[in-house]
Amino acid sequence: CGGVPTPETRPPVPPDALVPARVEPREIGYINALIEGHDGVATMRTLDPRRGLVCFWVPWGQRADFDALIAGLRRELSIVVLDRADPVLAGLPLEEWSDKAD
């Protein structure tokens, strides 16, 4: 095999695969557990725990399932999907997902 991919050899994460969001900081662990319980739909990374900023990585072909899951979670939790250009995300490592994923 070709070995472990490095940042230089790893293909870039498609922009639409990264979905930044704001959640209640106290709910980060709970939301992460719910996301993990839906195998393959998404992975969540905490960008800034104090401000409740997270990012979901949604694999190709899972966007409809992810959107349905988030819509369901919004019935009980505050989850605000952010535009990637939102100034609140300035300086946060959205593009470094594959290098530093939790």
C-alpha atoms as a PDB file:
ATOM      1  CA  CYS A   1       0.000   0.000   0.000  1.00  0.00           C
ATOM      2  CA  GLY A   2       0.996   3.616  -0.332  1.00  0.00           C
ATOM      3  CA  GLY A   3       1.271   4.260   3.413  1.00  0.00           C
ATOM      4  CA  VAL A   4      -0.503   6.813   5.532  1.00  0.00           C
ATOM      5  CA  PRO A   5      -1.611   9.916   3.631  1.00  0.00           C
ATOM      6  CA  THR A   6       0.083  13.142   4.621  1.00  0.00           C
ATOM      7  CA  PRO A   7      -1.445  16.609   4.378  1.00  0.00           C
ATOM      8  CA  GLU A   8       0.415  16.992   1.083  1.00  0.00           C
ATOM      9  CA  THR A   9      -0.926  13.754  -0.455  1.00  0.00           C
ATOM     10  CA  ARG A  10      -4.397  13.661   1.090  1.00  0.00           C
ATOM     11  CA  PRO A  11      -7.157  14.888  -1.224  1.00  0.00           C
ATOM     12  CA  PRO A  12      -8.848  18.078  -0.026  1.00  0.00           C
ATOM     13  CA  VAL A  13     -12.120  17.867   1.863  1.00  0.00           C
ATOM     14  CA  PRO A  14     -14.911  19.071  -0.472  1.00  0.00           C
ATOM     15  CA  PRO A  15     -16.240  22.438   0.759  1.00  0.00           C
ATOM     16  CA  ASP A  16     -19.827  21.200   0.966  1.00  0.00           C
ATOM     17  CA  ALA A  17     -18.720  18.346   3.249  1.00  0.00           C
ATOM     18  CA  LEU A  18     -17.934  20.789   6.077  1.00  0.00           C
ATOM     19  CA  VAL A  19     -20.928  22.229   7.896  1.00  0.00           C
ATOM     20  CA  PRO A  20     -20.090  24.736  10.645  1.00  0.00           C
ATOM     21  CA  ALA A  21     -22.666  25.372  13.330  1.00  0.00           C
ATOM     22  CA  ARG A  22     -23.270  27.087  16.647  1.00  0.00           C
ATOM     23  CA  VAL A  23     -24.727  25.081  19.524  1.00  0.00           C
ATOM     24  CA  GLU A  24     -25.168  25.626  23.237  1.00  0.00           C
ATOM     25  CA  PRO A  25     -21.728  24.947  24.760  1.00  0.00           C
ATOM     26  CA  ARG A  26     -23.208  22.715  27.453  1.00  0.00           C
ATOM     27  CA  GLU A  27     -24.792  20.541  24.724  1.00  0.00           C
ATOM     28  CA  ILE A  28     -21.615  19.819  22.711  1.00  0.00           C
ATOM     29  CA  GLY A  29     -20.974  16.400  24.274  1.00  0.00           C
ATOM     30  CA  TYR A  30     -24.614  15.378  23.970  1.00  0.00           C
ATOM     31  CA  ILE A  31     -24.828  16.416  20.313  1.00  0.00           C
ATOM     32  CA  ASN A  32     -21.562  14.649  19.553  1.00  0.00           C
ATOM     33  CA  ALA A  33     -22.901  11.438  21.127  1.00  0.00           C
ATOM     34  CA  LEU A  34     -26.097  11.703  19.078  1.00  0.00           C
ATOM     35  CA  ILE A  35     -24.110  12.224  15.877  1.00  0.00           C
ATOM     36  CA  GLU A  36     -21.833   9.276  16.681  1.00  0.00           C
ATOM     37  CA  GLY A  37     -24.931   7.146  17.280  1.00  0.00           C
ATOM     38  CA  HIS A  38     -25.909   7.639  13.646  1.00  0.00           C
ATOM     39  CA  ASP A  39     -22.997   5.740  12.109  1.00  0.00           C
ATOM     40  CA  GLY A  40     -21.686   7.206   8.907  1.00  0.00           C
ATOM     41  CA  VAL A  41     -23.981  10.230   8.736  1.00  0.00           C
ATOM     42  CA  ALA A  42     -21.447  12.750  10.060  1.00  0.00           C
ATOM     43  CA  THR A  43     -18.557  13.369  12.393  1.00  0.00           C
ATOM     44  CA  MET A  44     -18.465  16.371  14.693  1.00  0.00           C
ATOM     45  CA  ARG A  45     -15.455  18.427  15.692  1.00  0.00           C
ATOM     46  CA  THR A  46     -15.441  21.172  18.319  1.00  0.00           C
ATOM     47  CA  LEU A  47     -13.864  24.367  17.007  1.00  0.00           C
ATOM     48  CA  ASP A  48     -14.420  26.616  20.036  1.00  0.00           C
ATOM     49  CA  PRO A  49     -16.059  25.039  23.094  1.00  0.00           C
ATOM     50  CA  ARG A  50     -16.613  28.340  24.926  1.00  0.00           C
ATOM     51  CA  ARG A  51     -18.601  29.813  22.029  1.00  0.00           C
ATOM     52  CA  GLY A  52     -20.281  26.541  21.060  1.00  0.00           C
ATOM     53  CA  LEU A  53     -18.768  26.483  17.586  1.00  0.00           C
ATOM     54  CA  VAL A  54     -18.607  23.055  15.989  1.00  0.00           C
ATOM     55  CA  CYS A  55     -18.116  21.669  12.513  1.00  0.00           C
ATOM     56  CA  PHE A  56     -19.692  18.585  11.018  1.00  0.00           C
ATOM     57  CA  TRP A  57     -17.947  16.562   8.332  1.00  0.00           C
ATOM     58  CA  VAL A  58     -20.616  14.978   6.157  1.00  0.00           C
ATOM     59  CA  PRO A  59     -19.458  12.150   3.874  1.00  0.00           C
ATOM     60  CA  TRP A  60     -20.438  12.155   0.239  1.00  0.00           C
ATOM     61  CA  GLY A  61     -23.947  10.736  -0.193  1.00  0.00           C
ATOM     62  CA  GLN A  62     -25.007  11.416   3.406  1.00  0.00           C
ATOM     63  CA  ARG A  63     -26.124  15.043   3.153  1.00  0.00           C
ATOM     64  CA  ALA A  64     -29.868  14.290   3.009  1.00  0.00           C
ATOM     65  CA  ASP A  65     -29.621  12.028   6.063  1.00  0.00           C
ATOM     66  CA  PHE A  66     -27.522  14.622   7.882  1.00  0.00           C
ATOM     67  CA  ASP A  67     -29.989  17.417   7.101  1.00  0.00           C
ATOM     68  CA  ALA A  68     -32.876  15.259   8.357  1.00  0.00           C
ATOM     69  CA  LEU A  69     -30.949  14.434  11.550  1.00  0.00           C
ATOM     70  CA  ILE A  70     -30.167  18.099  12.221  1.00  0.00           C
ATOM     71  CA  ALA A  71     -33.792  19.072  11.543  1.00  0.00           C
ATOM     72  CA  GLY A  72     -34.902  16.504  14.120  1.00  0.00           C
ATOM     73  CA  LEU A  73     -32.352  17.665  16.687  1.00  0.00           C
ATOM     74  CA  ARG A  74     -33.477  21.272  16.240  1.00  0.00           C
ATOM     75  CA  ARG A  75     -36.826  20.295  17.761  1.00  0.00           C
ATOM     76  CA  GLU A  76     -35.119  19.862  21.138  1.00  0.00           C
ATOM     77  CA  LEU A  77     -31.778  21.703  20.845  1.00  0.00           C
ATOM     78  CA  SER A  78     -30.428  24.984  19.564  1.00  0.00           C
ATOM     79  CA  ILE A  79     -28.353  24.206  16.456  1.00  0.00           C
ATOM     80  CA  VAL A  80     -27.671  27.046  14.047  1.00  0.00           C
ATOM     81  CA  VAL A  81     -25.953  26.058  10.812  1.00  0.00           C
ATOM     82  CA  LEU A  82     -23.545  28.829   9.837  1.00  0.00           C
ATOM     83  CA  ASP A  83     -22.389  29.999   6.459  1.00  0.00           C
ATOM     84  CA  ARG A  84     -18.702  29.225   6.014  1.00  0.00           C
ATOM     85  CA  ALA A  85     -18.090  32.933   5.360  1.00  0.00           C
ATOM     86  CA  ASP A  86     -19.609  33.945   8.730  1.00  0.00           C
ATOM     87  CA  PRO A  87     -17.149  36.269  10.518  1.00  0.00           C
ATOM     88  CA  VAL A  88     -17.590  34.306  13.752  1.00  0.00           C
ATOM     89  CA  LEU A  89     -15.587  31.506  12.099  1.00  0.00           C
ATOM     90  CA  ALA A  90     -12.626  33.727  11.196  1.00  0.00           C
ATOM     91  CA  GLY A  91      -9.363  32.155  12.259  1.00  0.00           C
ATOM     92  CA  LEU A  92     -10.865  28.767  13.081  1.00  0.00           C
ATOM     93  CA  PRO A  93      -9.381  25.643  11.438  1.00  0.00           C
ATOM     94  CA  LEU A  94     -12.226  24.600   9.131  1.00  0.00           C
ATOM     95  CA  GLU A  95      -9.849  23.657   6.329  1.00  0.00           C
ATOM     96  CA  GLU A  96      -7.572  21.672   8.644  1.00  0.00           C
ATOM     97  CA  TRP A  97     -10.256  19.093   9.401  1.00  0.00           C
ATOM     98  CA  SER A  98      -8.428  16.080   8.027  1.00  0.00           C
ATOM     99  CA  ASP A  99      -5.183  16.983   9.785  1.00  0.00           C
ATOM    100  CA  LYS A 100      -6.490  17.578  13.305  1.00  0.00           C
ATOM    101  CA  ALA A 101      -9.839  15.809  13.556  1.00  0.00           C
ATOM    102  CA  ASP A 102     -10.859  14.774  17.051  1.00  0.00           C
END
